[in-house]
Amino acid sequence: MIRVLPAEVAARIAAGEVIERPASVVMLMDGRGIYAAERTIDVDLVDGGFDLVRVSDDGHGIPAAEVELALQRHATSKIRSDADLRALSTLGFRGEALPSIAAVARVGLSTRHGDEAVGVALTVEYGRPGERRALGRSPGTSVAVSDLFAELPARRKFLKPRGVEASAAIQVVCQYAVAYPEVTFALVSDGRSVLATPGDGDRARALLAVYGPEAARELLELTPATAQDQGRLFAAVSGSIGRQTLHRANRSGLSIFVNRRWVQHRALAAVVEEAYQTLLPTGRHPVAVLDLTVPPDEADFNVHPAKSEVKLLRERAIAGLVQRAVQATLAQGTSVAGWGGQPTDGPGGEPLRQLRVLGQVSATYIIAEGSAGLYLVDQHAAHERVLLESLRRTRGTAGAAQYLLEPLAVEVDPRQAALAAHHRQALAELGFVVDEFGPRNLLLRGMPTIATGRDPAVVLRGTLDGADEEAGPADWRERLAVSLSCHSAVRAGDPLSADEMVALIERLGEAELCRTCSHGRPTALLLSHSQLEREFGRR
């Protein structure tokens, strides 16, 4: 028998398409706040947003007579007709933010319209309206969301660990802060200030607040580019992109804004990555902030419940425009920068210890001779494998850490700071002795023994960037070890002495899995005697 679902059940189903995690709450509330705010948006997280997400703005507020209406689904001041959907200029437009949140959490709404003398406070518990009362407050709105999914345990159990959820929420605020430099953003997580932007309209200062001075210095202003069709402008791109020396182990540093809306767009992200091909190390991804402006009637944001995707009418032409702009900017501002045998045998099936080292090519590959032929050993891949296995043996022991003569203050971005705070024990097992040192710095007292000789700040930041925040606790520890081994290993371009090359080959021969690095790339290639003879026409 077909039945119409009860209103409460239908509301929770609809809310489930919009509210996936605490970061979804932050995104919706920040979007609403940007539309309403005069200058300031404050975000407060407690326990990664599980216990509380509070977003406050200093905007015009909600009229007292419309407070209950604002909590009804599809009640909005943004659009009036279907035609308005084809000319969107605001982040929100569906009227789903507040009602969706209220359907799956406890919500305390406090607001005062600028034209009214007294404000209003209203509570809603999982879609059920509660007490309404008058209160004195300044103009603006504050929404406090607590106990998210407490009445929906099936949804709550799929949330990531607290640290991961906090990191995702912080990422949302950072994106809005970059997209709207004219708004002051203040973010506090568990009582700790993690982000504060000036709100003076200067994009460079907003980038500085989000990325920190060191990363900001590595950003290049994108050469602006436009595209026209029969005299009509259909795309303009601007922004900032990182030099080839600035990169990350994941795509979290790639931000795309279309008409100032943060979106996920595979085609645009792909052309940016393609522009960096051969410039970045394998497995690394660029840092870029792209601002794309298109006519409102040529962009459809109404394709995903969370409004995180967009369809572009001239996608191929726009992708080409973006790629050319990135390539032009990099050209102007970029600086040069078949297995067999036993597990500890080389690609020819012979023990690596028996190889005779001949030299080094391009300060990247070690040349060695064996009975099977000529070997080319990738020094970074080989050293990475050696270090990873060493880490697995020493993790959690007294020999894992080497204390610095003097503690070192390391500047980090908000996401890195959150990861360090929530995974301090895992870092300590690898040898990082780290304390918090203000909102944007970590105090490094000791670093992993395997990273001796490397820049401690670069190793710490790179390790945090390389860790997979979406993995579980056990996987996260392994991913952290993989990232640390990569950032501690010798790099392509590092000259090695004859003794160092011999020692590296011998240590690789002692590894249990010597044939690939920790990312699965081969550590060595073999040019067999028969291959050499064929290439030189001897057979």
Protein backbone atom coordinates (compact mmCIF):
# COMPACT_ATOMS: atom_id res chain seq x y z
CA MET A 1 0.00 0.00 0.00
CA ILE A 2 1.33 3.42 -0.98
CA ARG A 3 1.31 6.01 1.80
CA VAL A 4 2.41 9.60 2.09
CA LEU A 5 5.32 9.79 4.55
CA PRO A 6 4.79 11.69 7.78
CA ALA A 7 6.12 15.23 7.55
CA GLU A 8 8.82 14.58 10.17
CA VAL A 9 10.18 11.54 8.30
CA ALA A 10 10.11 13.34 4.95
CA ALA A 11 11.96 16.28 6.47
CA ARG A 12 14.74 14.03 7.81
CA ILE A 13 15.11 12.26 4.47
CA ALA A 14 15.40 15.58 2.67
CA ALA A 15 17.81 16.87 5.31
CA GLY A 16 20.01 13.81 4.80
CA GLU A 17 20.72 14.95 1.25
CA VAL A 18 21.93 18.32 2.50
CA ILE A 19 23.50 17.65 5.92
CA GLU A 20 26.19 14.98 5.73
CA ARG A 21 28.56 16.06 8.51
CA PRO A 22 29.38 19.07 10.76
CA ALA A 23 31.18 20.70 7.83
CA SER A 24 27.84 20.77 5.97
CA VAL A 25 26.37 22.82 8.80
CA VAL A 26 29.29 25.22 8.69
CA MET A 27 28.98 25.58 4.92
CA LEU A 28 25.27 26.33 4.98
CA MET A 29 25.48 28.71 7.90
CA ASP A 30 28.50 30.54 6.51
CA GLY A 31 26.70 30.90 3.19
CA ARG A 32 23.67 32.33 4.94
CA GLY A 33 25.91 34.59 7.03
CA ILE A 34 27.77 35.95 4.01
CA TYR A 35 24.47 36.99 2.46
CA ALA A 36 23.37 38.66 5.69
CA ALA A 37 26.60 39.87 7.25
CA GLU A 38 27.79 43.44 7.37
CA ARG A 39 31.39 42.55 8.12
CA THR A 40 31.98 39.70 10.56
CA ILE A 41 31.24 35.96 10.80
CA ASP A 42 32.31 34.02 13.91
CA VAL A 43 32.45 30.21 13.89
CA ASP A 44 32.85 28.14 17.06
CA LEU A 45 33.39 24.35 16.98
CA VAL A 46 33.31 22.01 19.96
CA ASP A 47 34.55 18.42 19.61
CA GLY A 48 34.82 18.63 15.83
CA GLY A 49 31.25 19.91 15.57
CA PHE A 50 29.75 16.80 17.19
CA ASP A 51 28.79 18.74 20.30
CA LEU A 52 28.40 22.25 18.91
CA VAL A 53 28.65 24.34 15.76
CA ARG A 54 27.87 28.00 16.37
CA VAL A 55 27.87 30.55 13.53
CA SER A 56 27.22 34.22 14.28
CA ASP A 57 27.08 37.27 12.03
CA ASP A 58 26.61 41.00 12.48
CA GLY A 59 24.13 41.37 9.62
CA HIS A 60 20.64 42.77 9.32
CA GLY A 61 19.02 39.90 11.22
CA ILE A 62 15.65 38.21 10.76
CA PRO A 63 12.45 40.20 11.48
CA ALA A 64 10.68 38.86 14.56
CA ALA A 65 7.55 38.07 12.57
CA GLU A 66 9.52 35.87 10.15
CA VAL A 67 11.60 33.78 12.55
CA GLU A 68 9.33 30.71 12.43
CA LEU A 69 8.94 31.16 8.68
CA ALA A 70 12.73 31.02 8.24
CA LEU A 71 12.66 27.49 9.69
CA GLN A 72 10.14 26.22 7.13
CA ARG A 73 11.41 24.32 4.12
CA HIS A 74 11.71 26.31 0.89
CA ALA A 75 11.15 29.64 2.65
CA THR A 76 13.73 32.03 1.17
CA SER A 77 14.32 35.68 0.40
CA LYS A 78 16.72 34.87 -2.46
CA ILE A 79 14.42 33.85 -5.32
CA ARG A 80 10.82 34.41 -6.34
CA SER A 81 10.42 32.54 -9.62
CA ASP A 82 11.98 29.95 -11.89
CA ALA A 83 13.65 32.76 -13.83
CA ASP A 84 15.61 33.71 -10.70
CA LEU A 85 17.28 30.28 -10.74
CA ARG A 86 18.90 31.24 -14.04
CA ALA A 87 20.41 34.41 -12.60
CA LEU A 88 21.64 33.42 -9.15
CA SER A 89 23.85 35.92 -7.33
CA THR A 90 23.66 34.50 -3.80
CA LEU A 91 25.14 31.34 -2.25
CA GLY A 92 21.83 30.09 -0.87
CA PHE A 93 18.62 29.91 -2.81
CA ARG A 94 16.64 26.79 -1.91
CA GLY A 95 15.48 27.75 1.55
CA GLU A 96 16.78 24.44 2.94
CA ALA A 97 19.63 25.45 5.24
CA LEU A 98 17.92 26.15 8.57
CA PRO A 99 15.06 23.61 8.21
CA SER A 100 17.46 20.83 7.14
CA ILE A 101 19.74 21.47 10.11
CA ALA A 102 16.80 21.73 12.50
CA ALA A 103 15.49 18.35 11.32
CA VAL A 104 18.62 16.48 12.45
CA ALA A 105 19.89 18.46 15.45
CA ARG A 106 19.05 20.77 18.32
CA VAL A 107 19.10 24.35 17.10
CA GLY A 108 19.12 27.55 19.10
CA LEU A 109 18.38 30.59 16.93
CA SER A 110 19.00 34.09 18.22
CA THR A 111 18.41 37.12 16.01
CA ARG A 112 17.53 40.80 15.97
CA HIS A 113 16.59 42.76 12.91
CA GLY A 114 18.28 46.12 12.59
CA ASP A 115 14.96 47.99 12.53
CA GLU A 116 13.66 46.38 15.73
CA ALA A 117 14.49 47.21 19.33
CA VAL A 118 14.29 43.68 20.73
CA GLY A 119 15.57 40.39 19.44
CA VAL A 120 14.07 36.90 19.40
CA ALA A 121 15.39 33.54 20.57
CA LEU A 122 13.85 30.28 19.37
CA THR A 123 14.75 26.63 19.96
CA VAL A 124 13.99 23.68 17.69
CA GLU A 125 14.72 20.04 18.57
CA TYR A 126 14.86 17.66 15.62
CA GLY A 127 12.13 19.52 13.76
CA ARG A 128 9.98 20.16 16.83
CA PRO A 129 9.57 23.89 17.63
CA GLY A 130 10.36 24.81 21.21
CA GLU A 131 10.34 27.93 23.33
CA ARG A 132 10.27 31.41 21.81
CA ARG A 133 11.28 34.40 23.88
CA ALA A 134 12.35 38.01 23.53
CA LEU A 135 15.92 39.04 24.30
CA GLY A 136 18.22 42.00 24.06
CA ARG A 137 21.10 41.68 21.63
CA SER A 138 22.86 43.57 18.85
CA PRO A 139 21.63 43.28 15.27
CA GLY A 140 22.56 40.05 13.54
CA THR A 141 21.96 36.33 13.86
CA SER A 142 23.51 33.47 15.79
CA VAL A 143 22.70 29.81 15.14
CA ALA A 144 23.90 27.19 17.64
CA VAL A 145 23.66 23.59 16.41
CA SER A 146 24.24 20.84 18.96
CA ASP A 147 23.93 17.04 19.17
CA LEU A 148 24.00 16.54 15.41
CA PHE A 149 22.34 13.23 14.40
CA ALA A 150 21.81 12.28 18.07
CA GLU A 151 18.38 10.91 17.17
CA LEU A 152 19.75 9.31 14.00
CA PRO A 153 22.40 6.86 15.26
CA ALA A 154 22.67 5.19 11.84
CA ARG A 155 23.85 8.51 10.39
CA ARG A 156 26.04 9.44 13.35
CA LYS A 157 28.07 6.24 13.22
CA PHE A 158 29.21 7.05 9.69
CA LEU A 159 30.85 10.29 10.77
CA LYS A 160 34.66 10.32 10.75
CA PRO A 161 36.76 10.71 13.92
CA ARG A 162 36.49 14.08 15.68
CA GLY A 163 39.79 15.33 14.31
CA VAL A 164 38.81 14.56 10.72
CA GLU A 165 35.44 16.28 11.10
CA ALA A 166 37.10 19.33 12.66
CA SER A 167 39.58 19.47 9.79
CA ALA A 168 36.77 19.35 7.22
CA ALA A 169 34.87 22.14 8.96
CA ILE A 170 38.02 24.27 9.20
CA GLN A 171 38.59 23.72 5.49
CA VAL A 172 35.13 25.12 4.74
CA VAL A 173 35.76 28.31 6.71
CA CYS A 174 39.15 28.75 5.05
CA GLN A 175 37.54 28.50 1.62
CA TYR A 176 34.94 31.14 2.44
CA ALA A 177 37.64 33.37 3.93
CA VAL A 178 39.58 33.27 0.66
CA ALA A 179 36.49 33.79 -1.50
CA TYR A 180 35.20 36.72 0.59
CA PRO A 181 38.20 38.74 1.78
CA GLU A 182 35.90 41.66 2.58
CA VAL A 183 34.33 39.65 5.43
CA THR A 184 36.17 39.10 8.71
CA PHE A 185 36.19 35.42 9.67
CA ALA A 186 37.07 34.25 13.17
CA LEU A 187 37.21 30.51 13.80
CA VAL A 188 37.62 28.88 17.21
CA SER A 189 37.89 25.10 17.67
CA ASP A 190 37.67 23.68 21.19
CA GLY A 191 38.56 27.07 22.63
CA ARG A 192 41.59 27.51 20.38
CA SER A 193 41.72 30.26 17.76
CA VAL A 194 42.68 28.67 14.43
CA LEU A 195 41.83 31.40 11.92
CA ALA A 196 41.32 35.15 11.94
CA THR A 197 41.17 37.17 8.72
CA PRO A 198 41.37 40.97 8.44
CA GLY A 199 38.23 41.40 6.35
CA ASP A 200 39.65 44.43 4.56
CA GLY A 201 38.91 43.18 1.04
CA ASP A 202 42.57 42.42 0.26
CA ARG A 203 42.77 38.89 -1.19
CA ALA A 204 46.53 38.73 -0.57
CA ARG A 205 45.99 39.35 3.15
CA ALA A 206 43.26 36.72 3.28
CA LEU A 207 45.61 34.21 1.63
CA LEU A 208 48.27 35.15 4.14
CA ALA A 209 45.90 34.46 7.03
CA VAL A 210 44.82 31.09 5.62
CA TYR A 211 48.08 29.72 4.21
CA GLY A 212 50.66 31.50 6.37
CA PRO A 213 53.63 33.67 5.25
CA GLU A 214 55.86 30.89 3.93
CA ALA A 215 53.24 29.39 1.62
CA ALA A 216 51.91 32.82 0.64
CA ARG A 217 55.37 33.80 -0.57
CA GLU A 218 55.29 30.85 -2.97
CA LEU A 219 52.01 31.96 -4.59
CA LEU A 220 52.02 33.66 -7.97
CA GLU A 221 49.28 35.99 -9.12
CA LEU A 222 47.51 34.24 -11.99
CA THR A 223 47.75 36.04 -15.29
CA PRO A 224 44.11 37.14 -15.80
CA ALA A 225 42.43 35.82 -18.91
CA THR A 226 39.04 36.29 -20.54
CA ALA A 227 37.08 34.64 -23.33
CA GLN A 228 34.45 36.17 -25.58
CA ASP A 229 31.94 34.95 -28.12
CA GLN A 230 30.70 37.49 -30.67
CA GLY A 231 31.70 40.32 -28.39
CA ARG A 232 30.03 38.83 -25.29
CA LEU A 233 32.26 37.94 -22.36
CA PHE A 234 31.51 34.38 -21.28
CA ALA A 235 34.40 33.66 -18.90
CA ALA A 236 37.06 35.44 -16.88
CA VAL A 237 39.65 33.74 -14.70
CA SER A 238 41.99 35.17 -12.07
CA GLY A 239 43.43 34.05 -8.74
CA SER A 240 46.72 32.72 -7.39
CA ILE A 241 48.72 29.58 -8.09
CA GLY A 242 51.70 28.04 -6.33
CA ARG A 243 55.17 27.77 -7.76
CA GLN A 244 56.41 24.27 -8.47
CA THR A 245 58.12 24.37 -5.07
CA LEU A 246 54.73 24.57 -3.33
CA HIS A 247 52.78 21.33 -3.47
CA ARG A 248 50.79 18.91 -1.33
CA ALA A 249 50.22 15.20 -1.10
CA ASN A 250 46.48 15.61 -1.71
CA ARG A 251 44.17 17.97 -3.58
CA SER A 252 43.17 20.00 -0.54
CA GLY A 253 45.24 22.93 -1.81
CA LEU A 254 43.25 23.27 -5.04
CA SER A 255 40.31 25.67 -4.62
CA ILE A 256 37.94 26.55 -7.45
CA PHE A 257 35.37 29.31 -7.11
CA VAL A 258 32.71 29.92 -9.75
CA ASN A 259 30.98 33.24 -9.27
CA ARG A 260 32.47 33.23 -5.75
CA ARG A 261 30.94 29.84 -4.91
CA TRP A 262 33.36 27.08 -3.81
CA VAL A 263 32.72 24.09 -6.07
CA GLN A 264 34.11 20.68 -6.91
CA HIS A 265 34.68 20.48 -10.66
CA ARG A 266 36.61 17.51 -12.01
CA ALA A 267 37.36 18.90 -15.45
CA LEU A 268 38.74 22.21 -14.17
CA ALA A 269 40.80 20.49 -11.47
CA ALA A 270 42.19 18.08 -14.08
CA VAL A 271 43.41 20.83 -16.42
CA VAL A 272 45.14 22.60 -13.54
CA GLU A 273 46.95 19.39 -12.57
CA GLU A 274 47.84 18.79 -16.21
CA ALA A 275 49.45 22.22 -16.42
CA TYR A 276 51.82 21.16 -13.61
CA GLN A 277 52.81 17.87 -15.23
CA THR A 278 56.58 17.23 -15.10
CA LEU A 279 56.94 20.15 -12.68
CA LEU A 280 55.89 18.39 -9.47
CA PRO A 281 57.18 15.21 -7.84
CA THR A 282 55.17 12.06 -8.45
CA GLY A 283 52.09 11.91 -6.27
CA ARG A 284 52.18 15.60 -5.41
CA HIS A 285 49.45 18.11 -6.23
CA PRO A 286 49.50 21.86 -6.86
CA VAL A 287 48.23 24.64 -4.64
CA ALA A 288 45.94 27.01 -6.53
CA VAL A 289 43.07 29.41 -5.88
CA LEU A 290 41.06 30.03 -9.04
CA ASP A 291 38.31 32.62 -9.42
CA LEU A 292 36.11 31.94 -12.41
CA THR A 293 33.39 34.37 -13.42
CA VAL A 294 30.71 33.34 -15.91
CA PRO A 295 27.30 34.79 -16.84
CA PRO A 296 24.72 33.57 -14.27
CA ASP A 297 22.57 32.07 -17.01
CA GLU A 298 25.49 29.88 -18.17
CA ALA A 299 26.11 28.20 -14.80
CA ASP A 300 23.71 25.76 -13.12
CA PHE A 301 24.34 25.31 -9.39
CA ASN A 302 21.07 23.47 -8.83
CA VAL A 303 22.54 20.02 -9.59
CA HIS A 304 23.52 18.80 -6.11
CA PRO A 305 21.65 19.06 -2.79
CA ALA A 306 24.70 20.59 -1.11
CA LYS A 307 25.23 22.98 -4.07
CA SER A 308 28.85 21.82 -4.28
CA GLU A 309 28.81 21.13 -8.01
CA VAL A 310 28.16 23.25 -11.06
CA LYS A 311 27.37 22.66 -14.71
CA LEU A 312 28.98 25.11 -17.11
CA LEU A 313 27.45 25.74 -20.51
CA ARG A 314 30.86 26.23 -22.18
CA GLU A 315 32.87 23.81 -20.05
CA ARG A 316 35.42 22.82 -22.71
CA ALA A 317 36.23 26.39 -23.71
CA ILE A 318 36.48 27.47 -20.06
CA ALA A 319 38.75 24.53 -19.20
CA GLY A 320 41.08 25.51 -22.03
CA LEU A 321 41.08 29.13 -20.83
CA VAL A 322 42.01 28.06 -17.29
CA GLN A 323 44.79 25.76 -18.46
CA ARG A 324 46.35 28.39 -20.70
CA ALA A 325 46.26 30.95 -17.88
CA VAL A 326 47.97 28.56 -15.46
CA GLN A 327 50.61 27.55 -18.02
CA ALA A 328 51.35 31.19 -18.89
CA THR A 329 51.76 32.12 -15.24
CA LEU A 330 54.06 29.17 -14.54
CA ALA A 331 56.17 29.99 -17.59
CA GLN A 332 56.72 33.51 -16.31
CA GLY A 333 57.27 32.77 -12.64
CA THR A 334 58.52 29.18 -12.27
CA SER A 335 62.05 28.50 -11.08
CA VAL A 336 64.02 25.45 -12.28
CA ALA A 337 63.86 23.08 -9.83
CA GLY A 338 59.63 -7.74 -15.08
CA TRP A 339 60.63 -8.81 -11.47
CA GLY A 340 61.97 -12.13 -10.37
CA GLY A 341 63.99 -13.67 -7.56
CA GLN A 342 63.53 -13.37 -3.81
CA PRO A 343 62.01 -10.35 -1.98
CA THR A 344 65.46 -8.95 -1.22
CA ASP A 345 66.77 -9.51 -4.71
CA GLY A 346 66.99 -6.93 -7.47
CA PRO A 347 64.96 -6.92 -10.72
CA GLY A 348 67.36 -9.42 -12.24
CA GLY A 349 66.88 -11.91 -9.43
CA GLU A 350 70.34 -11.36 -7.94
CA PRO A 351 71.13 -10.05 -4.43
CA LEU A 352 71.49 -6.27 -4.42
CA ARG A 353 74.51 -6.55 -2.12
CA GLN A 354 76.45 -8.09 -5.03
CA LEU A 355 75.99 -5.08 -7.32
CA ARG A 356 78.99 -2.90 -8.19
CA VAL A 357 78.16 0.82 -8.01
CA LEU A 358 79.46 2.75 -11.02
CA GLY A 359 78.16 6.27 -10.42
CA GLN A 360 75.20 8.66 -10.47
CA VAL A 361 73.15 10.13 -13.34
CA SER A 362 71.53 13.57 -13.05
CA ALA A 363 72.03 13.36 -9.27
CA THR A 364 68.90 11.18 -9.33
CA TYR A 365 69.74 7.64 -10.45
CA ILE A 366 72.46 5.33 -9.17
CA ILE A 367 74.10 3.18 -11.87
CA ALA A 368 75.19 -0.29 -10.78
CA GLU A 369 76.44 -3.38 -12.56
CA GLY A 370 75.44 -6.93 -11.82
CA SER A 371 75.58 -10.34 -13.45
CA ALA A 372 72.16 -9.74 -15.03
CA GLY A 373 73.09 -6.41 -16.62
CA LEU A 374 72.99 -2.68 -15.85
CA TYR A 375 70.80 -1.34 -13.04
CA LEU A 376 69.31 2.15 -12.67
CA VAL A 377 68.28 2.74 -9.06
CA ASP A 378 65.96 5.66 -8.23
CA GLN A 379 67.73 7.04 -5.16
CA HIS A 380 64.63 8.71 -3.70
CA ALA A 381 62.37 5.68 -4.17
CA ALA A 382 65.04 3.36 -2.78
CA HIS A 383 65.74 5.51 0.27
CA GLU A 384 62.00 5.97 0.89
CA ARG A 385 61.54 2.17 1.08
CA VAL A 386 64.56 1.80 3.39
CA LEU A 387 63.27 4.51 5.74
CA LEU A 388 59.71 3.18 5.83
CA GLU A 389 60.88 -0.24 6.95
CA SER A 390 63.16 1.36 9.51
CA LEU A 391 60.21 3.36 10.83
CA ARG A 392 58.12 0.23 11.20
CA ARG A 393 60.87 -1.34 13.31
CA THR A 394 61.53 1.65 15.57
CA ARG A 395 58.03 3.18 15.85
CA GLY A 396 57.16 3.78 19.48
CA THR A 397 60.68 3.04 20.78
CA ALA A 398 63.11 5.38 22.52
CA GLY A 399 65.32 5.46 19.45
CA ALA A 400 62.58 6.89 17.21
CA ALA A 401 63.21 10.51 18.26
CA GLN A 402 66.22 12.77 18.23
CA TYR A 403 65.85 15.89 20.37
CA LEU A 404 66.82 19.25 18.88
CA LEU A 405 69.44 21.39 20.60
CA GLU A 406 66.85 24.18 20.74
CA PRO A 407 63.08 23.90 20.23
CA LEU A 408 61.94 25.14 16.82
CA ALA A 409 58.73 27.11 16.20
CA VAL A 410 57.13 25.76 13.01
CA GLU A 411 54.43 27.76 11.28
CA VAL A 412 51.48 25.71 10.06
CA ASP A 413 48.12 26.35 8.42
CA PRO A 414 44.80 25.70 10.26
CA ARG A 415 44.34 22.24 8.78
CA GLN A 416 47.87 21.15 9.69
CA ALA A 417 47.44 22.50 13.22
CA ALA A 418 44.20 20.54 13.66
CA LEU A 419 45.80 17.31 12.40
CA ALA A 420 48.78 17.75 14.73
CA ALA A 421 46.51 18.38 17.73
CA HIS A 422 44.30 15.36 17.12
CA HIS A 423 47.10 12.94 16.20
CA ARG A 424 49.82 13.96 18.62
CA GLN A 425 50.25 10.38 19.90
CA ALA A 426 50.75 8.98 16.39
CA LEU A 427 53.30 11.71 15.68
CA ALA A 428 55.11 10.94 18.92
CA GLU A 429 55.37 7.24 17.99
CA LEU A 430 57.25 8.27 14.85
CA GLY A 431 59.59 10.58 16.74
CA PHE A 432 57.95 14.00 16.51
CA VAL A 433 57.98 15.71 19.91
CA VAL A 434 55.49 18.52 19.30
CA ASP A 435 53.66 21.04 21.50
CA GLU A 436 51.14 23.70 20.57
CA PHE A 437 52.74 27.13 20.42
CA GLY A 438 49.98 29.62 19.67
CA PRO A 439 47.19 29.35 17.10
CA ARG A 440 49.43 29.07 14.03
CA ASN A 441 52.63 27.51 15.32
CA LEU A 442 53.86 24.18 16.65
CA LEU A 443 56.89 23.92 18.93
CA LEU A 444 59.07 21.09 17.64
CA ARG A 445 61.34 19.71 20.38
CA GLY A 446 62.38 16.50 18.69
CA MET A 447 62.12 14.93 15.25
CA PRO A 448 62.36 11.40 13.87
CA THR A 449 65.86 9.97 13.85
CA ILE A 450 65.44 8.89 10.24
CA ALA A 451 65.01 12.55 9.18
CA THR A 452 68.38 13.67 10.55
CA GLY A 453 69.93 16.18 8.17
CA ARG A 454 66.61 17.32 6.72
CA ASP A 455 64.88 20.64 7.40
CA PRO A 456 62.72 19.85 10.48
CA ALA A 457 59.97 22.33 9.55
CA VAL A 458 59.70 21.04 5.99
CA VAL A 459 59.58 17.42 7.18
CA LEU A 460 56.87 18.11 9.78
CA ARG A 461 54.62 20.10 7.45
CA GLY A 462 55.10 17.64 4.61
CA THR A 463 54.30 14.69 6.85
CA LEU A 464 51.04 16.31 8.00
CA ASP A 465 50.07 17.16 4.42
CA GLY A 466 50.75 13.64 3.25
CA ALA A 467 48.64 11.90 5.88
CA ASP A 468 45.27 10.64 4.65
CA GLU A 469 42.79 12.33 6.96
CA GLU A 470 39.94 10.18 5.65
CA ALA A 471 41.54 6.94 6.85
CA GLY A 472 40.81 5.26 10.16
CA PRO A 473 43.15 5.51 13.18
CA ALA A 474 45.27 2.48 12.23
CA ASP A 475 45.47 3.40 8.55
CA TRP A 476 46.23 6.99 9.50
CA ARG A 477 49.33 5.88 11.44
CA GLU A 478 50.59 3.90 8.47
CA ARG A 479 49.86 6.76 6.09
CA LEU A 480 51.72 9.09 8.43
CA ALA A 481 54.74 6.77 8.35
CA VAL A 482 54.62 6.64 4.55
CA SER A 483 54.49 10.42 4.37
CA LEU A 484 57.36 10.82 6.83
CA SER A 485 59.56 8.36 4.91
CA CYS A 486 58.92 10.27 1.69
CA HIS A 487 59.81 13.65 3.19
CA SER A 488 62.91 12.31 4.95
CA ALA A 489 64.42 10.50 1.97
CA VAL A 490 67.10 11.91 -0.30
CA ARG A 491 65.57 13.81 -3.17
CA ALA A 492 66.06 13.71 -6.90
CA GLY A 493 68.89 16.14 -7.48
CA ASP A 494 70.80 15.36 -4.28
CA PRO A 495 74.42 14.44 -5.11
CA LEU A 496 75.64 11.33 -3.28
CA SER A 497 79.18 10.21 -2.57
CA ALA A 498 80.40 6.79 -3.66
CA ASP A 499 80.17 5.49 -0.09
CA GLU A 500 76.62 6.85 0.28
CA MET A 501 75.51 5.13 -2.93
CA VAL A 502 77.03 1.81 -1.84
CA ALA A 503 75.42 2.08 1.59
CA LEU A 504 72.00 2.85 0.08
CA ILE A 505 72.16 -0.16 -2.27
CA GLU A 506 73.18 -2.41 0.64
CA ARG A 507 70.38 -1.13 2.88
CA LEU A 508 67.88 -1.60 0.05
CA GLY A 509 69.05 -5.19 -0.24
CA GLU A 510 68.18 -5.70 3.44
CA ALA A 511 64.61 -4.43 2.98
CA GLU A 512 61.78 -6.93 2.98
CA LEU A 513 60.07 -5.25 0.04
CA CYS A 514 62.94 -3.72 -1.89
CA ARG A 515 61.35 -3.70 -5.32
CA THR A 516 58.99 -0.76 -4.87
CA CYS A 517 58.89 2.42 -2.83
CA SER A 518 56.11 3.03 -0.32
CA HIS A 519 53.95 4.49 -3.11
CA GLY A 520 54.31 1.46 -5.36
CA ARG A 521 56.83 2.90 -7.81
CA PRO A 522 59.81 0.71 -8.81
CA THR A 523 63.06 1.37 -6.96
CA ALA A 524 65.22 0.04 -9.81
CA LEU A 525 65.15 -0.85 -13.49
CA LEU A 526 67.30 -3.45 -15.22
CA LEU A 527 68.81 -3.18 -18.69
CA SER A 528 69.72 -6.81 -19.28
CA HIS A 529 72.75 -7.92 -21.32
CA SER A 530 70.41 -9.08 -24.08
CA GLN A 531 68.65 -5.70 -24.17
CA LEU A 532 71.95 -3.88 -24.41
CA GLU A 533 73.10 -6.17 -27.21
CA ARG A 534 69.89 -5.60 -29.17
CA GLU A 535 70.09 -1.81 -28.73
CA PHE A 536 73.70 -1.76 -29.99
CA GLY A 537 72.97 -4.13 -32.88
CA ARG A 538 75.13 -6.96 -31.56
CA ARG A 539 72.42 -9.59 -32.05
